[in-house]
Amino acid sequence: MAFTYVDIGSPEVPKLDGVLFFPVTPFTGAGHIDTAALADHVARGLDFGPGGVFAACGTGEFHTLDPEEYGRAVRTAVEATAGRVPVFAGTGGPLSLARRYSRIAQEAGADGLLLLPPYLVEAPAAGLIAYTRQVVAASDLPVIVYNRSNARFTPEAAAEVARLDKVVGFKDGVGDLDRLSRTVSAVRSALSGRDKDFQFFNGMPTAEVTVPAYRGIGVELYSSAVFCFAPEISLAFHRAVTTGDQDTVDLLLRDFFHPLVTLRDKVPGYAVSLVKAGMALRGHDVGGVRPPLTDPSPQHLERLGRILDAGLAIAGRDGEEAAR
């Protein structure tokens, strides 16, 4: 899928659309980053036409990567993508490290950054604004701000950071739709009259479950962890939800996404662990997760396999109908 740049002065901003791909970070048996497996993972994902690649983010276990590992992961994703779609890289954590990661991402050739929450502490709105300003200033890259965990922006704070030239998006991972609706309105009002393209994203875990609700308030882009291990299912859902095929949406939610969420919620961290396990079930060895996450139990792997089979069966039928 080709992508376009929107000119807002500086920097150039890649316009995102379609399903957004958040690759895992593969590890070897010795616990090191497996760049060959990552390059293959990204290349295979690109064959299914995602609208963007988000490397070393939440699904990519950003929280476990040291700066050298992070740089290798981002550079590998950039090289594997070869300009076909924009590559955003995660940044965040302690302020000094967040600034360093941002510079590393720029040097590695990333097109933009996804700003994850600061480390541990709860912060007032003014502190989150200051944190965002300093991380944004550390590189020349456009930044999408991630609203989740301990980085919960008020509508007014979101509007304030949206005014920053290099902040080009707001991704929500909290799920408070009342507050998000007010945030969308506040940001749009703050940017009214400005020649600036700004995008909103659904960043909830297993985002497809909340896509219908988010679309109702004008937030149509979303990240898809399922795309990592079952792009057929991810694309079938995206096709159904964007064409108004409510029967397929309902079927995929009932037989795949809702059971997956039920399994995901059994153990903290399964939002990542199940993705890597799903890739293994599809024949792609990307290793396990790093502590403090844990790999799924045998019983949960068996359950994941049944859920995956159900989703692939539905996606297969949808694909046959779409080809007619």
Protein backbone atom coordinates (compact mmCIF):
# COMPACT_ATOMS: atom_id res chain seq x y z
CA MET A 1 0.00 0.00 0.00
CA ALA A 2 1.44 3.36 -0.98
CA PHE A 3 1.24 6.22 1.46
CA THR A 4 1.22 9.98 1.15
CA TYR A 5 2.87 12.74 3.12
CA VAL A 6 0.98 15.71 4.48
CA ASP A 7 2.96 18.94 4.51
CA ILE A 8 2.57 20.86 7.77
CA GLY A 9 5.84 22.71 7.38
CA SER A 10 8.29 20.57 9.30
CA PRO A 11 8.45 17.62 9.47
CA GLU A 12 6.63 15.84 6.65
CA VAL A 13 3.89 13.71 8.15
CA PRO A 14 2.92 10.30 6.79
CA LYS A 15 -0.84 9.99 6.49
CA LEU A 16 -1.98 6.64 7.92
CA ASP A 17 -4.94 4.53 6.86
CA GLY A 18 -6.10 0.91 6.82
CA VAL A 19 -5.03 -1.66 9.40
CA LEU A 20 -2.00 -0.66 11.47
CA PHE A 21 0.58 -3.42 12.05
CA PHE A 22 2.36 -3.64 15.42
CA PRO A 23 4.99 -6.38 14.97
CA VAL A 24 6.34 -8.38 17.89
CA THR A 25 10.05 -8.34 18.71
CA PRO A 26 11.33 -11.91 18.18
CA PHE A 27 13.90 -13.32 20.62
CA THR A 28 16.29 -16.21 20.22
CA GLY A 29 16.47 -19.11 22.65
CA ALA A 30 19.33 -17.28 24.37
CA GLY A 31 17.13 -14.22 24.83
CA HIS A 32 18.68 -11.95 22.20
CA ILE A 33 16.80 -10.04 19.52
CA ASP A 34 16.38 -12.15 16.40
CA THR A 35 16.66 -9.54 13.65
CA ALA A 36 16.32 -12.11 10.87
CA ALA A 37 13.00 -13.30 12.32
CA LEU A 38 11.87 -9.70 12.77
CA ALA A 39 12.70 -8.82 9.16
CA ASP A 40 10.76 -11.88 7.98
CA HIS A 41 7.84 -11.04 10.27
CA VAL A 42 7.61 -7.49 8.93
CA ALA A 43 8.01 -8.60 5.29
CA ARG A 44 5.26 -11.21 5.61
CA GLY A 45 2.97 -8.67 7.24
CA LEU A 46 3.57 -6.18 4.45
CA ASP A 47 2.32 -8.72 1.93
CA PHE A 48 -1.14 -8.27 3.47
CA GLY A 49 -1.13 -4.49 2.94
CA PRO A 50 -1.14 -2.77 6.34
CA GLY A 51 -1.37 1.01 6.45
CA GLY A 52 1.69 1.39 8.68
CA VAL A 53 4.26 -0.48 10.76
CA PHE A 54 4.74 0.41 14.44
CA ALA A 55 8.01 -1.16 15.59
CA ALA A 56 9.21 -1.64 19.17
CA CYS A 57 5.92 -0.48 20.66
CA GLY A 58 3.70 -2.27 23.20
CA THR A 59 3.30 -5.49 21.24
CA GLY A 60 7.00 -5.25 20.44
CA GLU A 61 7.89 -5.30 24.17
CA PHE A 62 9.39 -1.81 24.14
CA HIS A 63 9.53 -1.96 27.94
CA THR A 64 12.20 -4.70 27.79
CA LEU A 65 14.53 -3.23 25.14
CA ASP A 66 17.76 -1.45 25.95
CA PRO A 67 18.82 1.39 23.59
CA GLU A 68 21.07 -0.83 21.47
CA GLU A 69 18.38 -3.48 21.07
CA TYR A 70 15.79 -0.82 20.35
CA GLY A 71 17.92 0.69 17.61
CA ARG A 72 18.42 -2.70 15.97
CA ALA A 73 14.70 -3.44 16.09
CA VAL A 74 13.70 -0.12 14.55
CA ARG A 75 16.42 -0.25 11.89
CA THR A 76 15.41 -3.80 10.96
CA ALA A 77 11.77 -2.77 10.57
CA VAL A 78 12.73 0.24 8.47
CA GLU A 79 14.95 -1.83 6.18
CA ALA A 80 12.37 -4.60 5.82
CA THR A 81 9.64 -2.08 5.02
CA ALA A 82 11.80 -0.33 2.41
CA GLY A 83 9.53 2.68 2.15
CA ARG A 84 6.37 0.75 1.29
CA VAL A 85 4.49 2.16 4.31
CA PRO A 86 5.49 4.53 7.12
CA VAL A 87 7.35 3.12 10.12
CA PHE A 88 6.65 4.56 13.55
CA ALA A 89 8.74 3.56 16.57
CA GLY A 90 7.82 3.51 20.23
CA THR A 91 9.41 5.91 22.67
CA GLY A 92 8.67 6.80 26.28
CA GLY A 93 9.58 5.79 29.80
CA PRO A 94 12.01 7.89 31.88
CA LEU A 95 12.37 11.33 30.29
CA SER A 96 16.10 11.09 29.57
CA LEU A 97 15.67 7.66 27.95
CA ALA A 98 12.59 8.77 26.01
CA ARG A 99 14.61 11.58 24.45
CA ARG A 100 17.42 9.15 23.67
CA TYR A 101 15.08 6.58 22.10
CA SER A 102 13.56 9.33 19.95
CA ARG A 103 16.96 10.30 18.57
CA ILE A 104 17.86 6.64 17.97
CA ALA A 105 14.61 6.14 16.04
CA GLN A 106 15.38 9.12 13.84
CA GLU A 107 18.89 7.84 13.16
CA ALA A 108 17.45 4.41 12.32
CA GLY A 109 15.24 5.94 9.65
CA ALA A 110 11.81 5.86 11.35
CA ASP A 111 9.10 8.10 9.92
CA GLY A 112 7.53 8.94 13.26
CA LEU A 113 7.16 8.13 16.95
CA LEU A 114 4.46 6.72 19.21
CA LEU A 115 4.89 8.34 22.63
CA LEU A 116 4.22 5.74 25.32
CA PRO A 117 3.64 6.72 28.98
CA PRO A 118 6.41 8.02 31.26
CA TYR A 119 7.86 5.66 33.80
CA LEU A 120 5.66 4.66 36.76
CA VAL A 121 4.64 8.00 38.27
CA GLU A 122 1.21 9.54 38.14
CA ALA A 123 1.41 13.07 36.77
CA PRO A 124 -0.85 16.12 36.59
CA ALA A 125 -1.90 17.48 33.21
CA ALA A 126 0.79 20.16 33.28
CA GLY A 127 3.46 17.52 33.86
CA LEU A 128 2.26 15.36 30.96
CA ILE A 129 2.29 18.42 28.70
CA ALA A 130 5.85 19.25 29.77
CA TYR A 131 6.95 15.63 29.29
CA THR A 132 5.45 15.57 25.81
CA ARG A 133 7.07 18.88 24.88
CA GLN A 134 10.54 17.67 25.88
CA VAL A 135 10.27 14.31 24.11
CA VAL A 136 8.88 15.96 20.97
CA ALA A 137 11.78 18.43 20.98
CA ALA A 138 14.37 15.62 21.09
CA SER A 139 13.99 14.69 17.41
CA ASP A 140 12.65 15.98 14.12
CA LEU A 141 10.05 13.20 13.86
CA PRO A 142 6.26 13.61 14.03
CA VAL A 143 4.73 12.18 17.19
CA ILE A 144 1.50 10.38 18.05
CA VAL A 145 0.65 10.74 21.75
CA TYR A 146 -0.63 7.61 23.49
CA ASN A 147 -3.31 8.17 26.13
CA ARG A 148 -3.18 5.16 28.46
CA SER A 149 -2.07 3.80 31.86
CA ASN A 150 -0.47 6.62 33.86
CA ALA A 151 -0.50 9.05 30.90
CA ARG A 152 -4.14 10.11 30.90
CA PHE A 153 -4.59 13.45 29.20
CA THR A 154 -7.53 15.67 30.03
CA PRO A 155 -9.33 17.05 26.98
CA GLU A 156 -7.67 20.40 27.65
CA ALA A 157 -4.19 18.82 27.93
CA ALA A 158 -4.75 16.83 24.75
CA ALA A 159 -5.72 20.04 22.95
CA GLU A 160 -2.57 21.74 24.27
CA VAL A 161 -0.19 19.05 23.01
CA ALA A 162 -2.10 18.81 19.71
CA ARG A 163 -1.10 22.41 19.06
CA LEU A 164 2.57 21.38 19.02
CA ASP A 165 3.72 21.36 15.39
CA LYS A 166 5.19 17.86 15.53
CA VAL A 167 2.30 16.20 17.38
CA VAL A 168 0.16 14.69 14.63
CA GLY A 169 -2.05 12.18 16.39
CA PHE A 170 -3.75 11.05 19.59
CA LYS A 171 -4.14 7.36 20.37
CA ASP A 172 -6.51 6.25 23.11
CA GLY A 173 -5.96 3.12 25.16
CA VAL A 174 -8.17 4.01 28.13
CA GLY A 175 -11.63 3.33 26.72
CA ASP A 176 -13.52 6.14 28.44
CA LEU A 177 -15.68 7.06 25.45
CA ASP A 178 -17.36 10.02 27.15
CA ARG A 179 -13.99 11.60 27.89
CA LEU A 180 -12.61 10.65 24.48
CA SER A 181 -15.56 12.28 22.74
CA ARG A 182 -14.83 15.49 24.63
CA THR A 183 -11.13 15.13 23.79
CA VAL A 184 -11.82 14.76 20.07
CA SER A 185 -14.04 17.84 20.20
CA ALA A 186 -11.45 19.85 22.17
CA VAL A 187 -8.61 18.95 19.80
CA ARG A 188 -10.64 19.73 16.70
CA SER A 189 -11.63 23.07 18.19
CA ALA A 190 -8.01 23.88 19.12
CA LEU A 191 -6.84 23.10 15.58
CA SER A 192 -9.73 24.83 13.81
CA GLY A 193 -8.43 27.17 11.16
CA ARG A 194 -4.96 25.62 11.16
CA ASP A 195 -3.65 23.82 8.11
CA LYS A 196 -2.76 20.72 10.06
CA ASP A 197 -3.77 17.13 9.47
CA PHE A 198 -4.38 15.37 12.80
CA GLN A 199 -5.45 11.75 13.29
CA PHE A 200 -7.14 9.87 16.14
CA PHE A 201 -6.51 6.18 16.90
CA ASN A 202 -8.16 3.41 18.87
CA GLY A 203 -5.34 1.83 20.88
CA MET A 204 -7.30 -0.49 23.14
CA PRO A 205 -5.98 -4.04 23.63
CA THR A 206 -7.62 -6.27 20.99
CA ALA A 207 -8.95 -3.04 19.51
CA GLU A 208 -11.40 -4.70 17.14
CA VAL A 209 -13.77 -5.34 20.04
CA THR A 210 -14.23 -1.59 20.56
CA VAL A 211 -13.99 -0.48 16.92
CA PRO A 212 -17.77 -0.06 16.42
CA ALA A 213 -18.01 2.20 19.48
CA TYR A 214 -14.93 4.24 18.56
CA ARG A 215 -16.14 4.71 15.00
CA GLY A 216 -19.31 6.18 16.45
CA ILE A 217 -17.35 9.17 17.73
CA GLY A 218 -15.21 9.56 14.63
CA VAL A 219 -12.15 7.49 15.62
CA GLU A 220 -11.72 5.08 12.72
CA LEU A 221 -8.01 4.12 12.81
CA TYR A 222 -6.96 1.32 15.12
CA SER A 223 -4.00 -0.87 15.94
CA SER A 224 -4.40 -4.59 15.33
CA ALA A 225 -2.28 -7.01 17.36
CA VAL A 226 -4.20 -9.85 15.69
CA PHE A 227 -2.65 -8.79 12.38
CA CYS A 228 0.66 -10.20 13.67
CA PHE A 229 -0.52 -13.80 13.77
CA ALA A 230 -3.77 -13.84 11.79
CA PRO A 231 -3.75 -11.05 9.19
CA GLU A 232 -6.54 -12.85 7.34
CA ILE A 233 -8.84 -12.38 10.34
CA SER A 234 -7.71 -8.80 10.92
CA LEU A 235 -8.36 -7.84 7.30
CA ALA A 236 -11.68 -9.68 7.16
CA PHE A 237 -12.87 -7.67 10.15
CA HIS A 238 -11.57 -4.39 8.71
CA ARG A 239 -13.26 -5.09 5.38
CA ALA A 240 -16.53 -5.93 7.12
CA VAL A 241 -16.56 -2.93 9.43
CA THR A 242 -15.67 -0.45 6.66
CA THR A 243 -18.21 -1.83 4.17
CA GLY A 244 -21.06 -2.15 6.64
CA ASP A 245 -21.12 -5.95 6.61
CA GLN A 246 -22.62 -6.21 10.08
CA ASP A 247 -23.23 -9.96 9.86
CA THR A 248 -19.49 -10.67 9.45
CA VAL A 249 -18.58 -8.12 12.13
CA ASP A 250 -20.96 -9.81 14.57
CA LEU A 251 -19.74 -13.29 13.67
CA LEU A 252 -16.07 -12.43 14.10
CA LEU A 253 -16.76 -10.67 17.38
CA ARG A 254 -18.82 -13.58 18.71
CA ASP A 255 -16.62 -16.49 17.62
CA PHE A 256 -13.13 -14.99 17.60
CA PHE A 257 -12.55 -11.60 19.20
CA HIS A 258 -14.77 -11.96 22.29
CA PRO A 259 -13.37 -15.43 23.15
CA LEU A 260 -9.85 -14.08 22.57
CA VAL A 261 -10.48 -11.21 24.98
CA THR A 262 -11.89 -13.62 27.57
CA LEU A 263 -8.67 -15.65 27.32
CA ARG A 264 -6.51 -12.53 27.26
CA ASP A 265 -8.01 -11.27 30.50
CA LYS A 266 -7.13 -14.44 32.42
CA VAL A 267 -3.47 -13.42 32.91
CA PRO A 268 -1.89 -9.94 32.95
CA GLY A 269 0.34 -9.46 29.92
CA TYR A 270 -1.50 -11.95 27.73
CA ALA A 271 -2.26 -9.11 25.30
CA VAL A 272 1.34 -9.64 24.14
CA SER A 273 1.95 -13.26 25.13
CA LEU A 274 -1.00 -14.60 23.14
CA VAL A 275 0.19 -12.78 20.03
CA LYS A 276 3.57 -14.49 20.12
CA ALA A 277 1.91 -17.81 20.92
CA GLY A 278 -0.47 -17.32 18.01
CA MET A 279 2.48 -16.80 15.69
CA ALA A 280 4.01 -20.05 16.90
CA LEU A 281 0.72 -21.84 16.21
CA ARG A 282 0.90 -20.51 12.64
CA GLY A 283 4.43 -21.91 12.26
CA HIS A 284 6.47 -18.75 12.88
CA ASP A 285 9.05 -19.05 15.66
CA VAL A 286 9.53 -15.68 17.35
CA GLY A 287 10.46 -16.97 20.79
CA GLY A 288 8.67 -16.25 24.03
CA VAL A 289 8.11 -13.06 25.97
CA ARG A 290 10.60 -11.52 28.34
CA PRO A 291 9.90 -11.16 32.08
CA PRO A 292 7.88 -9.80 33.73
CA LEU A 293 5.47 -11.22 31.12
CA THR A 294 4.91 -14.98 30.97
CA ASP A 295 4.16 -17.34 28.12
CA PRO A 296 0.71 -19.00 27.96
CA SER A 297 0.08 -22.26 29.78
CA PRO A 298 -0.53 -25.44 27.74
CA GLN A 299 -4.23 -25.27 28.52
CA HIS A 300 -4.44 -21.68 27.31
CA LEU A 301 -2.46 -22.53 24.17
CA GLU A 302 -4.99 -25.23 23.36
CA ARG A 303 -7.82 -22.76 23.87
CA LEU A 304 -6.05 -20.20 21.69
CA GLY A 305 -5.73 -22.79 18.94
CA ARG A 306 -9.47 -23.43 18.94
CA ILE A 307 -10.24 -19.71 18.86
CA LEU A 308 -7.79 -19.21 16.02
CA ASP A 309 -9.31 -22.04 14.00
CA ALA A 310 -12.77 -20.50 14.38
CA GLY A 311 -11.56 -17.09 13.25
CA LEU A 312 -9.68 -18.45 10.25
CA ALA A 313 -12.74 -20.40 9.14
CA ILE A 314 -14.85 -17.22 9.17
CA ALA A 315 -12.13 -15.20 7.43
CA GLY A 316 -11.81 -17.90 4.78
CA ARG A 317 -15.50 -17.71 3.98
CA ASP A 318 -15.34 -13.91 3.89
CA GLY A 319 -12.35 -13.99 1.59
CA GLU A 320 -14.13 -16.30 -0.84
CA GLU A 321 -17.16 -14.00 -0.92
CA ALA A 322 -14.98 -10.89 -1.41
CA ALA A 323 -13.25 -12.56 -4.36
CA ARG A 324 -16.53 -13.23 -6.17
